[in-house]
Every structure is written in C-alpha cells, then in structure tokens.
C-alpha atoms as a PDB file:
ATOM      1  CA  MET A   1      -8.778  -1.990 -43.674  1.00  0.00           C
ATOM      2  CA  VAL A   2      -7.138  -5.234 -41.528  1.00  0.00           C
ATOM      3  CA  PHE A   3      -7.326  -7.389 -44.401  1.00  0.00           C
ATOM      4  CA  PHE A   4      -6.398  -4.833 -46.912  1.00  0.00           C
ATOM      5  CA  LEU A   5      -3.116  -4.692 -44.557  1.00  0.00           C
ATOM      6  CA  ILE A   6      -2.650  -8.226 -44.346  1.00  0.00           C
ATOM      7  CA  LYS A   7      -3.117  -8.836 -48.060  1.00  0.00           C
ATOM      8  CA  ARG A   8      -0.243  -6.124 -48.811  1.00  0.00           C
ATOM      9  CA  ILE A   9       1.650  -7.085 -46.450  1.00  0.00           C
ATOM     10  CA  LEU A  10       1.648 -10.645 -47.799  1.00  0.00           C
ATOM     11  CA  SER A  11       2.139 -10.168 -51.024  1.00  0.00           C
ATOM     12  CA  ALA A  12       5.401  -7.930 -50.032  1.00  0.00           C
ATOM     13  CA  LEU A  13       6.681 -10.828 -48.563  1.00  0.00           C
ATOM     14  CA  VAL A  14       6.702 -13.148 -51.182  1.00  0.00           C
ATOM     15  CA  LEU A  15       7.796 -10.413 -53.794  1.00  0.00           C
ATOM     16  CA  VAL A  16      11.036  -9.950 -51.514  1.00  0.00           C
ATOM     17  CA  LEU A  17      11.627 -13.714 -51.326  1.00  0.00           C
ATOM     18  CA  VAL A  18      11.244 -14.016 -55.367  1.00  0.00           C
ATOM     19  CA  VAL A  19      13.446 -11.002 -56.144  1.00  0.00           C
ATOM     20  CA  SER A  20      15.636 -12.236 -53.771  1.00  0.00           C
ATOM     21  CA  LEU A  21      16.394 -15.623 -55.633  1.00  0.00           C
ATOM     22  CA  VAL A  22      16.340 -14.054 -58.916  1.00  0.00           C
ATOM     23  CA  SER A  23      19.184 -11.379 -57.961  1.00  0.00           C
ATOM     24  CA  PHE A  24      21.177 -14.054 -56.230  1.00  0.00           C
ATOM     25  CA  LEU A  25      20.468 -16.188 -59.602  1.00  0.00           C
ATOM     26  CA  LEU A  26      21.830 -13.191 -62.187  1.00  0.00           C
ATOM     27  CA  ILE A  27      24.805 -12.294 -59.562  1.00  0.00           C
ATOM     28  CA  LYS A  28      25.908 -16.160 -60.094  1.00  0.00           C
ATOM     29  CA  ALA A  29      25.220 -16.246 -63.769  1.00  0.00           C
ATOM     30  CA  PRO A  30      28.565 -14.551 -65.288  1.00  0.00           C
ATOM     31  CA  PRO A  31      31.032 -17.008 -65.231  1.00  0.00           C
ATOM     32  CA  GLY A  32      33.693 -17.226 -62.426  1.00  0.00           C
ATOM     33  CA  ASP A  33      33.285 -16.788 -58.992  1.00  0.00           C
ATOM     34  CA  TYR A  34      35.536 -15.169 -56.142  1.00  0.00           C
ATOM     35  CA  ALA A  35      38.059 -18.219 -56.378  1.00  0.00           C
ATOM     36  CA  SER A  36      38.864 -16.971 -59.627  1.00  0.00           C
ATOM     37  CA  THR A  37      39.415 -13.695 -58.629  1.00  0.00           C
ATOM     38  CA  VAL A  38      42.029 -14.979 -56.139  1.00  0.00           C
ATOM     39  CA  LYS A  39      43.791 -17.160 -59.067  1.00  0.00           C
ATOM     40  CA  ALA A  40      44.199 -14.151 -60.925  1.00  0.00           C
ATOM     41  CA  SER A  41      45.364 -12.287 -58.061  1.00  0.00           C
ATOM     42  CA  ALA A  42      48.088 -15.309 -56.945  1.00  0.00           C
ATOM     43  CA  ILE A  43      49.463 -15.529 -60.618  1.00  0.00           C
ATOM     44  CA  SER A  44      49.774 -11.740 -61.288  1.00  0.00           C
ATOM     45  CA  ARG A  45      50.853 -10.806 -57.460  1.00  0.00           C
ATOM     46  CA  GLY A  46      51.998 -13.837 -55.835  1.00  0.00           C
ATOM     47  CA  GLY A  47      54.072 -14.968 -58.933  1.00  0.00           C
ATOM     48  CA  MET A  48      52.411 -18.220 -58.598  1.00  0.00           C
ATOM     49  CA  SER A  49      52.287 -21.097 -61.660  1.00  0.00           C
ATOM     50  CA  GLU A  50      48.683 -21.699 -63.298  1.00  0.00           C
ATOM     51  CA  ALA A  51      48.863 -25.211 -61.520  1.00  0.00           C
ATOM     52  CA  ASP A  52      49.475 -23.693 -58.267  1.00  0.00           C
ATOM     53  CA  ALA A  53      46.918 -21.016 -58.591  1.00  0.00           C
ATOM     54  CA  GLU A  54      44.472 -23.303 -59.803  1.00  0.00           C
ATOM     55  CA  GLN A  55      44.896 -25.434 -56.543  1.00  0.00           C
ATOM     56  CA  LEU A  56      44.315 -22.429 -54.471  1.00  0.00           C
ATOM     57  CA  ALA A  57      41.521 -21.730 -56.224  1.00  0.00           C
ATOM     58  CA  GLN A  58      39.898 -25.362 -55.933  1.00  0.00           C
ATOM     59  CA  ALA A  59      40.764 -24.732 -51.582  1.00  0.00           C
ATOM     60  CA  THR A  60      39.055 -21.521 -51.607  1.00  0.00           C
ATOM     61  CA  ARG A  61      36.178 -22.837 -53.174  1.00  0.00           C
ATOM     62  CA  VAL A  62      36.059 -25.606 -50.652  1.00  0.00           C
ATOM     63  CA  ARG A  63      36.652 -23.185 -47.922  1.00  0.00           C
ATOM     64  CA  LEU A  64      33.716 -20.774 -48.609  1.00  0.00           C
ATOM     65  CA  GLY A  65      31.237 -23.251 -50.255  1.00  0.00           C
ATOM     66  CA  LEU A  66      31.138 -21.956 -53.372  1.00  0.00           C
ATOM     67  CA  ASP A  67      31.575 -25.491 -55.287  1.00  0.00           C
ATOM     68  CA  ARG A  68      28.501 -26.235 -53.812  1.00  0.00           C
ATOM     69  CA  PRO A  69      24.950 -25.716 -56.336  1.00  0.00           C
ATOM     70  CA  VAL A  70      23.958 -22.261 -56.883  1.00  0.00           C
ATOM     71  CA  ILE A  71      20.141 -23.347 -55.579  1.00  0.00           C
ATOM     72  CA  VAL A  72      22.033 -24.752 -52.334  1.00  0.00           C
ATOM     73  CA  GLN A  73      24.197 -21.738 -51.907  1.00  0.00           C
ATOM     74  CA  TYR A  74      21.175 -19.337 -51.923  1.00  0.00           C
ATOM     75  CA  ALA A  75      18.983 -21.412 -49.589  1.00  0.00           C
ATOM     76  CA  ARG A  76      22.142 -21.288 -47.081  1.00  0.00           C
ATOM     77  CA  TRP A  77      22.156 -17.167 -47.350  1.00  0.00           C
ATOM     78  CA  ILE A  78      18.612 -16.868 -47.003  1.00  0.00           C
ATOM     79  CA  GLY A  79      18.126 -19.352 -44.316  1.00  0.00           C
ATOM     80  CA  GLY A  80      21.143 -17.260 -42.326  1.00  0.00           C
ATOM     81  CA  ILE A  81      18.680 -13.953 -43.154  1.00  0.00           C
ATOM     82  CA  VAL A  82      15.952 -14.944 -41.650  1.00  0.00           C
ATOM     83  CA  LEU A  83      17.134 -17.406 -38.825  1.00  0.00           C
ATOM     84  CA  HIS A  84      19.611 -15.460 -37.324  1.00  0.00           C
ATOM     85  CA  GLY A  85      20.030 -12.113 -39.320  1.00  0.00           C
ATOM     86  CA  ASP A  86      23.481 -13.174 -41.102  1.00  0.00           C
ATOM     87  CA  PHE A  87      23.924 -12.000 -44.684  1.00  0.00           C
ATOM     88  CA  GLY A  88      26.890 -14.167 -44.925  1.00  0.00           C
ATOM     89  CA  PRO A  89      30.657 -13.179 -45.397  1.00  0.00           C
ATOM     90  CA  SER A  90      32.632 -10.630 -47.452  1.00  0.00           C
ATOM     91  CA  PHE A  91      34.973 -12.474 -48.793  1.00  0.00           C
ATOM     92  CA  GLN A  92      36.831  -9.548 -49.810  1.00  0.00           C
ATOM     93  CA  GLN A  93      37.338  -7.793 -46.820  1.00  0.00           C
ATOM     94  CA  ASN A  94      37.162 -11.044 -44.507  1.00  0.00           C
ATOM     95  CA  ALA A  95      33.979  -9.723 -42.674  1.00  0.00           C
ATOM     96  CA  SER A  96      30.401 -10.445 -42.499  1.00  0.00           C
ATOM     97  CA  ALA A  97      28.670  -8.607 -45.115  1.00  0.00           C
ATOM     98  CA  GLY A  98      26.142  -7.426 -42.693  1.00  0.00           C
ATOM     99  CA  GLU A  99      29.292  -5.576 -41.019  1.00  0.00           C
ATOM    100  CA  VAL A 100      30.507  -4.681 -44.230  1.00  0.00           C
ATOM    101  CA  ILE A 101      27.373  -2.886 -45.380  1.00  0.00           C
ATOM    102  CA  GLY A 102      26.627  -1.166 -42.223  1.00  0.00           C
ATOM    103  CA  ARG A 103      29.334   0.962 -42.086  1.00  0.00           C
ATOM    104  CA  ARG A 104      27.804   2.833 -45.158  1.00  0.00           C
ATOM    105  CA  LEU A 105      24.497   1.912 -44.998  1.00  0.00           C
ATOM    106  CA  TRP A 106      22.853   4.978 -42.544  1.00  0.00           C
ATOM    107  CA  TYR A 107      25.185   7.640 -44.799  1.00  0.00           C
ATOM    108  CA  THR A 108      23.545   6.288 -47.985  1.00  0.00           C
ATOM    109  CA  LEU A 109      19.827   5.955 -46.670  1.00  0.00           C
ATOM    110  CA  GLY A 110      20.545   9.648 -45.272  1.00  0.00           C
ATOM    111  CA  ILE A 111      21.587  11.058 -48.290  1.00  0.00           C
ATOM    112  CA  ALA A 112      18.602   8.838 -50.266  1.00  0.00           C
ATOM    113  CA  LEU A 113      16.171  10.301 -47.532  1.00  0.00           C
ATOM    114  CA  CYS A 114      17.773  14.192 -48.273  1.00  0.00           C
ATOM    115  CA  CYS A 115      17.371  13.759 -51.723  1.00  0.00           C
ATOM    116  CA  HIS A 116      13.942  12.483 -51.343  1.00  0.00           C
ATOM    117  CA  ILE A 117      12.580  15.064 -49.362  1.00  0.00           C
ATOM    118  CA  LEU A 118      14.069  18.076 -51.462  1.00  0.00           C
ATOM    119  CA  ALA A 119      12.573  16.441 -54.668  1.00  0.00           C
ATOM    120  CA  THR A 120       9.018  16.012 -53.204  1.00  0.00           C
ATOM    121  CA  VAL A 121       9.344  19.677 -51.988  1.00  0.00           C
ATOM    122  CA  ILE A 122      10.576  21.262 -54.462  1.00  0.00           C
ATOM    123  CA  GLY A 123       9.256  19.257 -57.155  1.00  0.00           C
ATOM    124  CA  VAL A 124       5.519  19.296 -56.313  1.00  0.00           C
ATOM    125  CA  SER A 125       5.476  23.230 -55.575  1.00  0.00           C
ATOM    126  CA  LEU A 126       7.270  24.117 -58.719  1.00  0.00           C
ATOM    127  CA  GLY A 127       4.858  21.949 -60.544  1.00  0.00           C
ATOM    128  CA  ILE A 128       1.957  23.877 -58.647  1.00  0.00           C
ATOM    129  CA  PHE A 129       3.671  26.785 -59.996  1.00  0.00           C
ATOM    130  CA  ALA A 130       3.548  26.100 -63.425  1.00  0.00           C
ATOM    131  CA  ALA A 131       0.371  24.475 -63.474  1.00  0.00           C
ATOM    132  CA  VAL A 132      -1.102  28.043 -62.414  1.00  0.00           C
ATOM    133  CA  ASN A 133       0.844  29.666 -64.620  1.00  0.00           C
ATOM    134  CA  GLN A 134       0.182  27.651 -67.850  1.00  0.00           C
ATOM    135  CA  HIS A 135       1.731  29.381 -70.482  1.00  0.00           C
ATOM    136  CA  ARG A 136       3.299  31.910 -69.237  1.00  0.00           C
ATOM    137  CA  ILE A 137       7.539  32.105 -69.096  1.00  0.00           C
ATOM    138  CA  GLY A 138       7.214  30.281 -65.289  1.00  0.00           C
ATOM    139  CA  ASP A 139       5.469  27.470 -66.997  1.00  0.00           C
ATOM    140  CA  THR A 140       7.757  27.406 -69.950  1.00  0.00           C
ATOM    141  CA  ALA A 141      10.808  27.766 -67.791  1.00  0.00           C
ATOM    142  CA  ALA A 142       9.652  24.910 -65.716  1.00  0.00           C
ATOM    143  CA  THR A 143       8.860  22.867 -68.375  1.00  0.00           C
ATOM    144  CA  VAL A 144      12.756  23.290 -69.635  1.00  0.00           C
ATOM    145  CA  PHE A 145      13.738  22.430 -66.447  1.00  0.00           C
ATOM    146  CA  ALA A 146      11.593  18.989 -66.146  1.00  0.00           C
ATOM    147  CA  PHE A 147      12.340  17.890 -69.430  1.00  0.00           C
ATOM    148  CA  LEU A 148      15.925  18.209 -68.508  1.00  0.00           C
ATOM    149  CA  GLY A 149      15.950  16.389 -65.403  1.00  0.00           C
ATOM    150  CA  MET A 150      14.317  13.758 -67.209  1.00  0.00           C
ATOM    151  CA  THR A 151      16.821  13.124 -69.402  1.00  0.00           C
ATOM    152  CA  ILE A 152      20.266  14.174 -68.572  1.00  0.00           C
ATOM    153  CA  PRO A 153      21.826  10.962 -67.755  1.00  0.00           C
ATOM    154  CA  ARG A 154      22.782  10.601 -63.637  1.00  0.00           C
ATOM    155  CA  PHE A 155      26.619   9.487 -64.627  1.00  0.00           C
ATOM    156  CA  PHE A 156      26.932  12.078 -67.169  1.00  0.00           C
ATOM    157  CA  LEU A 157      25.563  14.837 -64.593  1.00  0.00           C
ATOM    158  CA  ALA A 158      28.385  13.394 -62.232  1.00  0.00           C
ATOM    159  CA  LEU A 159      31.043  13.581 -64.897  1.00  0.00           C
ATOM    160  CA  VAL A 160      30.634  16.553 -65.381  1.00  0.00           C
ATOM    161  CA  ILE A 161      30.676  18.059 -61.544  1.00  0.00           C
ATOM    162  CA  LEU A 162      33.671  15.642 -61.025  1.00  0.00           C
ATOM    163  CA  TYR A 163      35.317  17.468 -64.221  1.00  0.00           C
ATOM    164  CA  VAL A 164      34.241  21.052 -62.709  1.00  0.00           C
ATOM    165  CA  LEU A 165      35.208  20.508 -59.110  1.00  0.00           C
ATOM    166  CA  ALA A 166      38.436  18.514 -60.053  1.00  0.00           C
ATOM    167  CA  PHE A 167      40.119  20.523 -62.838  1.00  0.00           C
ATOM    168  CA  VAL A 168      38.288  24.166 -62.591  1.00  0.00           C
ATOM    169  CA  VAL A 169      37.455  24.791 -58.772  1.00  0.00           C
ATOM    170  CA  ARG A 170      40.154  22.633 -57.580  1.00  0.00           C
ATOM    171  CA  SER A 171      38.457  21.129 -54.674  1.00  0.00           C
ATOM    172  CA  PRO A 172      39.750  18.809 -51.940  1.00  0.00           C
ATOM    173  CA  ALA A 173      36.154  17.935 -50.711  1.00  0.00           C
ATOM    174  CA  ILE A 174      36.196  14.879 -53.231  1.00  0.00           C
ATOM    175  CA  GLY A 175      36.256  11.394 -52.744  1.00  0.00           C
ATOM    176  CA  SER A 176      35.556  11.352 -49.010  1.00  0.00           C
ATOM    177  CA  LEU A 177      32.696  12.352 -46.922  1.00  0.00           C
ATOM    178  CA  PHE A 178      34.682  14.468 -44.449  1.00  0.00           C
ATOM    179  CA  SER A 179      37.728  16.602 -44.362  1.00  0.00           C
ATOM    180  CA  ALA A 180      40.700  15.012 -42.492  1.00  0.00           C
ATOM    181  CA  GLU A 181      40.333  16.723 -39.071  1.00  0.00           C
ATOM    182  CA  TYR A 182      36.586  15.783 -39.087  1.00  0.00           C
ATOM    183  CA  VAL A 183      36.917  12.018 -39.440  1.00  0.00           C
ATOM    184  CA  LEU A 184      37.262  10.704 -36.264  1.00  0.00           C
ATOM    185  CA  ALA A 185      35.654  13.750 -34.483  1.00  0.00           C
ATOM    186  CA  PRO A 186      32.371  13.588 -32.228  1.00  0.00           C
ATOM    187  CA  TRP A 187      29.324  14.738 -34.460  1.00  0.00           C
ATOM    188  CA  SER A 188      28.959  18.393 -34.206  1.00  0.00           C
ATOM    189  CA  PHE A 189      27.329  21.411 -36.512  1.00  0.00           C
ATOM    190  CA  GLY A 190      30.512  22.033 -37.963  1.00  0.00           C
ATOM    191  CA  ARG A 191      30.904  18.442 -38.541  1.00  0.00           C
ATOM    192  CA  PHE A 192      27.534  18.493 -39.976  1.00  0.00           C
ATOM    193  CA  LEU A 193      28.455  21.330 -42.293  1.00  0.00           C
ATOM    194  CA  ASP A 194      31.548  19.359 -43.839  1.00  0.00           C
ATOM    195  CA  LEU A 195      29.451  16.280 -44.368  1.00  0.00           C
ATOM    196  CA  VAL A 196      27.303  18.698 -46.466  1.00  0.00           C
ATOM    197  CA  HIS A 197      29.942  20.161 -48.387  1.00  0.00           C
ATOM    198  CA  HIS A 198      31.450  16.751 -49.365  1.00  0.00           C
ATOM    199  CA  VAL A 199      28.048  15.106 -50.494  1.00  0.00           C
ATOM    200  CA  TRP A 200      26.108  18.069 -51.886  1.00  0.00           C
ATOM    201  CA  PRO A 201      27.163  17.079 -55.307  1.00  0.00           C
ATOM    202  CA  VAL A 202      25.575  13.338 -54.775  1.00  0.00           C
ATOM    203  CA  ILE A 203      22.649  15.035 -53.603  1.00  0.00           C
ATOM    204  CA  PHE A 204      22.269  17.119 -56.246  1.00  0.00           C
ATOM    205  CA  ILE A 205      22.391  14.621 -58.659  1.00  0.00           C
ATOM    206  CA  ALA A 206      20.238  11.988 -57.188  1.00  0.00           C
ATOM    207  CA  ALA A 207      17.367  14.864 -56.727  1.00  0.00           C
ATOM    208  CA  PHE A 208      17.462  16.376 -59.575  1.00  0.00           C
ATOM    209  CA  GLY A 209      15.986  13.807 -61.781  1.00  0.00           C
ATOM    210  CA  GLY A 210      13.057  13.136 -59.067  1.00  0.00           C
ATOM    211  CA  LEU A 211      12.617  16.919 -58.501  1.00  0.00           C
ATOM    212  CA  ALA A 212      12.013  16.733 -62.529  1.00  0.00           C
ATOM    213  CA  TYR A 213       9.485  13.852 -62.510  1.00  0.00           C
ATOM    214  CA  ASN A 214       7.185  15.192 -59.249  1.00  0.00           C
ATOM    215  CA  LEU A 215       7.154  18.531 -61.141  1.00  0.00           C
ATOM    216  CA  ARG A 216       5.965  17.002 -64.318  1.00  0.00           C
ATOM    217  CA  VAL A 217       3.461  14.950 -62.845  1.00  0.00           C
ATOM    218  CA  MET A 218       2.255  17.258 -60.324  1.00  0.00           C
ATOM    219  CA  ARG A 219       1.430  19.933 -62.721  1.00  0.00           C
ATOM    220  CA  SER A 220      -0.191  17.102 -65.403  1.00  0.00           C
ATOM    221  CA  ASN A 221      -2.572  16.205 -62.922  1.00  0.00           C
ATOM    222  CA  LEU A 222      -3.377  19.414 -61.617  1.00  0.00           C
ATOM    223  CA  LEU A 223      -4.263  21.167 -64.675  1.00  0.00           C
ATOM    224  CA  ASP A 224      -6.529  18.014 -65.413  1.00  0.00           C
ATOM    225  CA  VAL A 225      -8.355  18.934 -61.596  1.00  0.00           C
ATOM    226  CA  LEU A 226      -8.424  22.847 -62.589  1.00  0.00           C
ATOM    227  CA  ARG A 227     -10.691  21.616 -65.557  1.00  0.00           C
ATOM    228  CA  GLN A 228     -13.399  19.879 -63.274  1.00  0.00           C
ATOM    229  CA  PRO A 229     -16.334  21.214 -62.511  1.00  0.00           C
ATOM    230  CA  PHE A 230     -16.484  21.145 -59.257  1.00  0.00           C
ATOM    231  CA  ILE A 231     -13.552  23.522 -59.506  1.00  0.00           C
ATOM    232  CA  GLU A 232     -15.536  26.180 -61.248  1.00  0.00           C
ATOM    233  CA  ALA A 233     -18.298  25.473 -58.889  1.00  0.00           C
ATOM    234  CA  ALA A 234     -15.956  27.005 -56.061  1.00  0.00           C
ATOM    235  CA  ARG A 235     -14.545  30.016 -57.967  1.00  0.00           C
ATOM    236  CA  ALA A 236     -18.483  30.844 -58.664  1.00  0.00           C
ATOM    237  CA  LYS A 237     -18.915  30.543 -54.627  1.00  0.00           C
ATOM    238  CA  GLY A 238     -16.599  33.628 -54.421  1.00  0.00           C
ATOM    239  CA  LEU A 239     -13.742  31.812 -53.021  1.00  0.00           C
ATOM    240  CA  PRO A 240     -10.182  33.118 -53.458  1.00  0.00           C
ATOM    241  CA  GLU A 241      -7.995  31.433 -55.493  1.00  0.00           C
ATOM    242  CA  ARG A 242      -5.332  30.553 -53.298  1.00  0.00           C
ATOM    243  CA  THR A 243      -7.790  28.481 -51.499  1.00  0.00           C
ATOM    244  CA  VAL A 244      -9.504  26.887 -54.632  1.00  0.00           C
ATOM    245  CA  ILE A 245      -5.940  26.042 -55.649  1.00  0.00           C
ATOM    246  CA  LEU A 246      -4.391  24.772 -52.239  1.00  0.00           C
ATOM    247  CA  LYS A 247      -7.936  23.732 -50.541  1.00  0.00           C
ATOM    248  CA  HIS A 248      -9.795  22.085 -53.267  1.00  0.00           C
ATOM    249  CA  ALA A 249      -7.456  21.258 -56.710  1.00  0.00           C
ATOM    250  CA  VAL A 250      -4.197  20.284 -54.976  1.00  0.00           C
ATOM    251  CA  PRO A 251      -5.664  17.295 -52.431  1.00  0.00           C
ATOM    252  CA  ASN A 252      -6.960  15.573 -55.819  1.00  0.00           C
ATOM    253  CA  ALA A 253      -4.412  16.141 -57.781  1.00  0.00           C
ATOM    254  CA  ILE A 254      -1.842  14.492 -55.286  1.00  0.00           C
ATOM    255  CA  HIS A 255      -2.879  10.554 -55.678  1.00  0.00           C
ATOM    256  CA  PRO A 256      -0.820   9.630 -58.242  1.00  0.00           C
ATOM    257  CA  LEU A 257       2.388  11.421 -56.393  1.00  0.00           C
ATOM    258  CA  VAL A 258       1.652   9.097 -53.640  1.00  0.00           C
ATOM    259  CA  MET A 259       1.781   5.772 -55.643  1.00  0.00           C
ATOM    260  CA  TYR A 260       5.215   7.605 -56.695  1.00  0.00           C
ATOM    261  CA  GLN A 261       6.501   7.551 -53.292  1.00  0.00           C
ATOM    262  CA  GLY A 262       6.674   4.263 -53.195  1.00  0.00           C
ATOM    263  CA  VAL A 263       9.006   4.070 -55.972  1.00  0.00           C
ATOM    264  CA  ILE A 264      10.925   7.210 -55.501  1.00  0.00           C
ATOM    265  CA  LEU A 265      13.245   6.588 -52.411  1.00  0.00           C
ATOM    266  CA  PRO A 266      14.864   3.582 -54.277  1.00  0.00           C
ATOM    267  CA  TYR A 267      15.341   5.717 -57.490  1.00  0.00           C
ATOM    268  CA  MET A 268      17.019   8.113 -55.091  1.00  0.00           C
ATOM    269  CA  LEU A 269      18.928   5.518 -53.572  1.00  0.00           C
ATOM    270  CA  SER A 270      20.053   4.017 -57.172  1.00  0.00           C
ATOM    271  CA  GLY A 271      20.978   7.829 -58.162  1.00  0.00           C
ATOM    272  CA  GLU A 272      22.901   8.258 -54.877  1.00  0.00           C
ATOM    273  CA  LEU A 273      24.454   4.881 -55.675  1.00  0.00           C
ATOM    274  CA  GLU A 274      25.444   6.114 -59.597  1.00  0.00           C
ATOM    275  CA  ALA A 275      26.900   9.452 -58.601  1.00  0.00           C
ATOM    276  CA  ALA A 276      29.102   8.059 -55.482  1.00  0.00           C
ATOM    277  CA  ILE A 277      30.578   5.521 -57.815  1.00  0.00           C
ATOM    278  CA  ILE A 278      31.816   8.177 -60.000  1.00  0.00           C
ATOM    279  CA  LEU A 279      32.948  11.121 -57.358  1.00  0.00           C
ATOM    280  CA  SER A 280      34.121   8.050 -55.178  1.00  0.00           C
ATOM    281  CA  ILE A 281      32.242   8.878 -52.423  1.00  0.00           C
ATOM    282  CA  PRO A 282      32.250   5.785 -49.840  1.00  0.00           C
ATOM    283  CA  THR A 283      28.828   4.803 -49.458  1.00  0.00           C
ATOM    284  CA  ILE A 284      26.954   1.880 -50.745  1.00  0.00           C
ATOM    285  CA  GLY A 285      27.703   2.453 -54.486  1.00  0.00           C
ATOM    286  CA  PRO A 286      31.254   2.074 -54.793  1.00  0.00           C
ATOM    287  CA  LEU A 287      31.326  -1.026 -52.329  1.00  0.00           C
ATOM    288  CA  MET A 288      28.558  -2.464 -54.660  1.00  0.00           C
ATOM    289  CA  TYR A 289      31.029  -2.079 -57.755  1.00  0.00           C
ATOM    290  CA  SER A 290      34.327  -3.346 -56.210  1.00  0.00           C
ATOM    291  CA  SER A 291      31.804  -6.733 -54.816  1.00  0.00           C
ATOM    292  CA  LEU A 292      30.877  -6.954 -58.399  1.00  0.00           C
ATOM    293  CA  ILE A 293      34.160  -6.655 -59.933  1.00  0.00           C
ATOM    294  CA  SER A 294      35.520  -9.055 -57.024  1.00  0.00           C
ATOM    295  CA  HIS A 295      32.526 -11.728 -57.188  1.00  0.00           C
ATOM    296  CA  ASP A 296      31.881 -10.749 -53.719  1.00  0.00           C
ATOM    297  CA  THR A 297      28.841 -12.506 -53.970  1.00  0.00           C
ATOM    298  CA  TYR A 298      27.116 -12.178 -50.394  1.00  0.00           C
ATOM    299  CA  VAL A 299      28.102  -8.350 -50.399  1.00  0.00           C
ATOM    300  CA  THR A 300      26.531  -8.024 -53.701  1.00  0.00           C
ATOM    301  CA  ALA A 301      23.540  -9.961 -53.129  1.00  0.00           C
ATOM    302  CA  THR A 302      22.981  -8.054 -50.012  1.00  0.00           C
ATOM    303  CA  ILE A 303      22.785  -4.587 -51.375  1.00  0.00           C
ATOM    304  CA  PHE A 304      20.492  -6.041 -53.887  1.00  0.00           C
ATOM    305  CA  LEU A 305      18.230  -7.383 -50.954  1.00  0.00           C
ATOM    306  CA  ILE A 306      18.166  -4.281 -49.257  1.00  0.00           C
ATOM    307  CA  LEU A 307      17.512  -1.863 -52.723  1.00  0.00           C
ATOM    308  CA  SER A 308      14.562  -4.608 -53.058  1.00  0.00           C
ATOM    309  CA  VAL A 309      13.398  -4.269 -49.772  1.00  0.00           C
ATOM    310  CA  LEU A 310      13.060  -0.677 -49.837  1.00  0.00           C
ATOM    311  CA  LEU A 311      11.412  -0.743 -53.025  1.00  0.00           C
ATOM    312  CA  VAL A 312       8.444  -2.768 -51.803  1.00  0.00           C
ATOM    313  CA  VAL A 313       8.098  -1.485 -48.611  1.00  0.00           C
ATOM    314  CA  GLY A 314       7.629   1.805 -49.989  1.00  0.00           C
ATOM    315  CA  ASN A 315       4.960   0.578 -52.323  1.00  0.00           C
ATOM    316  CA  LEU A 316       3.373  -1.277 -49.322  1.00  0.00           C
ATOM    317  CA  MET A 317       3.513   2.172 -47.175  1.00  0.00           C
ATOM    318  CA  ALA A 318       2.049   4.130 -50.391  1.00  0.00           C
ATOM    319  CA  ASP A 319      -0.624   1.444 -50.661  1.00  0.00           C
ATOM    320  CA  ILE A 320      -1.339   2.275 -46.772  1.00  0.00           C
ATOM    321  CA  VAL A 321      -1.587   6.156 -47.500  1.00  0.00           C
ATOM    322  CA  LEU A 322      -3.945   5.614 -50.293  1.00  0.00           C
ATOM    323  CA  GLY A 323      -6.099   3.247 -48.362  1.00  0.00           C
ATOM    324  CA  LEU A 324      -6.539   5.719 -45.787  1.00  0.00           C
ATOM    325  CA  ILE A 325      -7.046   8.812 -47.716  1.00  0.00           C
ATOM    326  CA  ASP A 326      -8.991   7.022 -50.560  1.00  0.00           C
ATOM    327  CA  PRO A 327     -11.811   4.139 -49.551  1.00  0.00           C
ATOM    328  CA  ARG A 328     -11.819   2.911 -52.870  1.00  0.00           C
ATOM    329  CA  VAL A 329      -8.785   1.309 -52.685  1.00  0.00           C
ATOM    330  CA  ARG A 330      -9.793  -0.470 -49.371  1.00  0.00           C
ATOM    331  CA  GLU A 331     -13.154  -1.641 -51.007  1.00  0.00           C
ATOM    332  CA  GLY A 332     -11.019  -2.644 -54.087  1.00  0.00           C
ATOM    333  CA  ALA A 333      -9.142  -5.547 -51.719  1.00  0.00           C
ATOM    334  CA  HIS A 334     -11.930  -7.266 -50.804  1.00  0.00           C
ATOM    335  CA  ALA A 335     -12.707  -7.425 -54.877  1.00  0.00           C
END
C-alpha cells in the first residue's frame, strides 16, 4: 500500500506541474497583455494620445515584468508559489493574487462541496430506486430526469432562473451573497439562511448535472450486478430483498462511482463558476471572467492551478479509497 501511495503522489505532482505550465502558456497565447488594457483605458477614459498611451503601456510592461519571455514569467510565478507561497500580484486590484482569490475561495469551495454531497446522496439513492423498479413509472421518470440533467447546458439553465427571479418573481436576492443587513454581521443561523437564500440557484444548477450522472451510472451498474449469479444465490437463501440490494448488490455496484468522485468536485466547481458568472454571484467565477478580460495573468493562472489541483487531488483520493476497498487496485500498482 505504501508503494501504491508513493507512486500515485509522485504522478499527481508531475501532472500538476504539467497542467500549470500548459495553462499558463494558454493564458499568454492570445494577443495583448495587461499593459494593452492599461493603454486602452488611458485612451478611452483618460483622453491620452496614442503615443503617450503606448509609452505608458511599455512602462507598465517593464514595471510588472511582462516584457520578459513567457517561460521566465512562468518560472518566477511557479517558483514564488513553491518557495514562498506567493501566487503573484493581481494587476487589476493592486493586491496579491492569493489575497484576491482567498476572499472568494471558501464560499466557492463550500458551495461546490454542498453540490457534491447533494448530487452524490440524491443521485445514488435515485439510481438505486430506478434499478430496483426497472421498467416501471419511477424508473421512467428517473431516466427522463437523468437525460435532462445530462443534456441541458448549465449556462442556459442559469439564464432561465435569472429571468424568472428578475422579471417574474422580482427577487432582490440576485447578484450578491448576503442581504444588506447581513453583509457585516457575525455568523449566525439567520446569516446562514440568508446565504442559502442567495446561492440556492447556483447550488441547484451545479448539482443538477452531477446528480443526473450519478443516477445514470448507479442505475446501470446496479442492474448489471443484480443479474449476477451470487445475487440469485442470496435470494435463494431466503434473504429479504432489501438485504440483497443494500448488503450484496449496492457495494459491488459502487466502484465506478468511487472513481467518479475524483472528478465530480472540479465538475461541481466548474458548474458553480458558470452559474455564478451568469447570476453575478461574487465567487471565483466572475473573478475568473474579469481577470481573463483584463489580462490579469496571475489571478487567472492561479484559479486554473487551483482547479487542476482539485482534480488531481480528487483522483488521488479516489485511487486511495479504491486501493483500500479493492486489493486488485493495489496489486496493479506493483505490476
């Protein structure tokens, strides 16, 4: 088991490094940089001439180190993270990228974790219900629900909910995390309920797709297991059907879902980002969008790095759990 863990951890570290490099290069690939944003702003808002704005842009590049080769910028960024825990500056907000992201990160992760728990618990439960009631009305309803969850784009669902809240219900709980009276208030049950009142559309949208996937996978796997001979043997022994399902069938159908838990949290996080951008909820989503538009390189790169780390760590945890419950996985690590 120790060799298995070491191999997985080393692979995860290498993968994070590669993903961070590719992400940084992709961020820098489009034409322009933050100095170009400064130049455009100086011309449109400050009334500068083209020549003066260009001089300002060049001075900005030198001051921020944007005139150096991309690989040098990446080396300084990743070196600052590894050696000093410094994620670089936020050009747009004149603060460190870690500080800017940290203000919103915990809300984002909390929402994503809540979506993950709801999608797993409800999706697996509905998948078991659908498999046990195959070809009945409950199974049909669950299948239709899973189809809708897998096919409806999350941004479209966010637009529909935004329209209903803004023009039909006329809800004031749009575009913020808290009502005015709770913004600076200490944490309490009332403040928590107010937070839920503001973010429930994001939770619903992000959890919808994951719930549907869990339902579909659990139903398919459980149906396969229920056809196995050992299930027929358990029934022949006179065991109650509930015991056959929950004690013998479900544990053998859960392995693919354990692996899926490695990618579902980043999936929920990306769903939260999409919904938050449409609904203007001040989490990491709108921050990532604004940093991309303004070429705030280190903020964007740090957000992508966080997403990749979550994905890699999630897969690592799934590998460890599978290694604990299935000896064949550990034996495969020695092959």
